[in-house]
Protein backbone atom coordinates (compact mmCIF):
# COMPACT_ATOMS: atom_id res chain seq x y z
CA MET A 1 0.00 0.00 0.00
CA ASP A 2 2.28 2.74 -1.29
CA GLY A 3 5.16 1.44 0.86
CA LYS A 4 3.52 2.71 4.08
CA PRO A 5 2.86 0.43 7.02
CA GLN A 6 -0.82 -0.42 7.12
CA TRP A 7 -1.35 1.23 10.51
CA LYS A 8 -0.27 4.57 9.05
CA GLN A 9 -2.63 4.32 6.08
CA VAL A 10 -5.33 6.98 6.03
CA TYR A 11 -8.59 5.96 4.39
CA ALA A 12 -10.84 8.51 2.75
CA PRO A 13 -14.03 8.20 0.70
CA SER A 14 -13.36 7.57 -2.96
CA TRP A 15 -15.25 6.76 -6.13
CA ASP A 16 -13.45 3.61 -7.30
CA SER A 17 -14.90 0.37 -5.97
CA THR A 18 -11.87 -0.94 -4.05
CA SER A 19 -11.23 2.33 -2.23
CA CYS A 20 -14.93 2.69 -1.54
CA TRP A 21 -15.08 -0.74 0.18
CA LEU A 22 -11.88 -0.04 2.11
CA TRP A 23 -13.40 3.23 3.30
CA TRP A 24 -16.58 1.49 4.49
CA LEU A 25 -14.60 -1.26 6.27
CA ALA A 26 -12.36 1.32 7.95
CA LYS A 27 -15.40 3.35 8.98
CA ALA A 28 -17.12 0.26 10.43
CA HIS A 29 -13.94 -0.67 12.30
CA VAL A 30 -13.64 2.80 13.86
CA LEU A 31 -17.34 2.90 14.78
CA ALA A 32 -17.12 -0.51 16.46
CA HIS A 33 -14.14 0.58 18.54
CA ASP A 34 -15.81 3.89 19.36
CA SER A 35 -18.91 2.03 20.58
CA GLY A 36 -16.78 -0.22 22.76
CA TYR A 37 -14.92 2.77 24.19
CA HIS A 38 -18.20 4.52 24.90
CA GLN A 39 -19.68 1.49 26.66
CA LEU A 40 -16.64 0.67 28.78
CA VAL A 41 -15.04 4.04 29.50
CA SER A 42 -17.62 6.77 29.05
CA HIS A 43 -20.59 4.84 30.39
CA TRP A 44 -19.33 2.11 32.75
CA LEU A 45 -16.19 3.69 34.19
CA ARG A 46 -17.25 7.33 34.36
CA THR A 47 -20.80 6.74 35.59
CA HIS A 48 -21.53 3.35 37.18
CA CYS A 49 -18.09 2.57 38.55
CA ALA A 50 -17.39 6.10 39.80
CA THR A 51 -20.84 6.40 41.37
CA GLU A 52 -20.44 3.19 43.35
CA THR A 53 -18.04 4.82 45.83
CA TYR A 54 -20.54 7.61 46.51
CA ILE A 55 -23.31 5.08 47.05
CA ILE A 56 -21.25 3.15 49.59
CA ALA A 57 -20.22 6.36 51.39
CA THR A 58 -23.79 7.65 51.42
CA ASN A 59 -25.15 4.41 52.87
CA ARG A 60 -22.40 4.26 55.52
CA GLN A 61 -22.24 7.88 56.60
CA LEU A 62 -25.66 9.46 56.18
CA SER A 63 -28.73 8.77 58.26
CA VAL A 64 -31.85 7.69 56.38
CA MET A 65 -33.50 10.79 57.82
CA GLN A 66 -30.84 13.08 56.29
CA PRO A 67 -32.39 15.19 53.46
CA ILE A 68 -29.43 14.55 51.15
CA TYR A 69 -29.82 10.80 51.67
CA ARG A 70 -33.52 11.04 50.84
CA LEU A 71 -32.70 13.02 47.71
CA LEU A 72 -30.04 10.60 46.48
CA HIS A 73 -31.63 7.29 47.48
CA PRO A 74 -34.00 6.95 44.47
CA HIS A 75 -31.08 7.53 42.10
CA PHE A 76 -28.74 5.13 43.90
CA ARG A 77 -31.36 2.49 44.63
CA TYR A 78 -30.45 -0.29 42.17
CA THR A 79 -27.04 0.87 40.93
CA ILE A 80 -25.03 -1.67 42.98
CA GLU A 81 -27.19 -4.54 41.68
CA ILE A 82 -26.93 -3.27 38.11
CA ASN A 83 -23.14 -3.03 38.46
CA ALA A 84 -22.91 -6.59 39.84
CA LEU A 85 -24.97 -7.94 36.92
CA ALA A 86 -22.88 -5.95 34.45
CA GLN A 87 -19.67 -7.36 35.90
CA GLU A 88 -21.04 -10.91 35.59
CA SER A 89 -22.22 -10.75 32.01
CA LEU A 90 -21.21 -7.57 30.18
CA ILE A 91 -17.71 -6.44 31.07
CA ASN A 92 -15.98 -9.63 32.16
CA ALA A 93 -13.45 -11.51 30.03
CA ASP A 94 -15.27 -13.08 27.08
CA GLY A 95 -18.38 -11.10 28.02
CA ILE A 96 -20.96 -9.47 25.79
CA ILE A 97 -19.08 -6.17 25.40
CA GLU A 98 -15.84 -7.92 24.47
CA ASN A 99 -17.56 -10.21 21.98
CA ALA A 100 -19.71 -7.49 20.43
CA PHE A 101 -17.28 -4.58 20.17
CA THR A 102 -13.83 -6.12 19.64
CA PRO A 103 -12.55 -7.88 16.53
CA GLY A 104 -11.54 -10.94 18.55
CA SER A 105 -8.24 -12.44 19.53
CA THR A 106 -5.45 -12.81 17.05
CA PRO A 107 -3.55 -16.08 16.83
């Protein structure tokens, strides 16, 4: 491919059939990785995982009569259970996220 290593190749939309298919494959590859990044980093790590520490601290330190506890409780109610189920089936090794959003292992 023009003497460049494949990882440095930049794909752009084109009119000839081979370049067009390469563009669509590259676009699909990037979108799949972007979806995986969104699910694991943006959604899981920055929301569910980060919130878990606040849930534990709230349950340990605040009285159930505390107004802040009453405000936060409906939002925190099932997050620990959702995180446990996600760890079992979604984000573990060979889980749904890994199988759906990664190209698979290389030999």
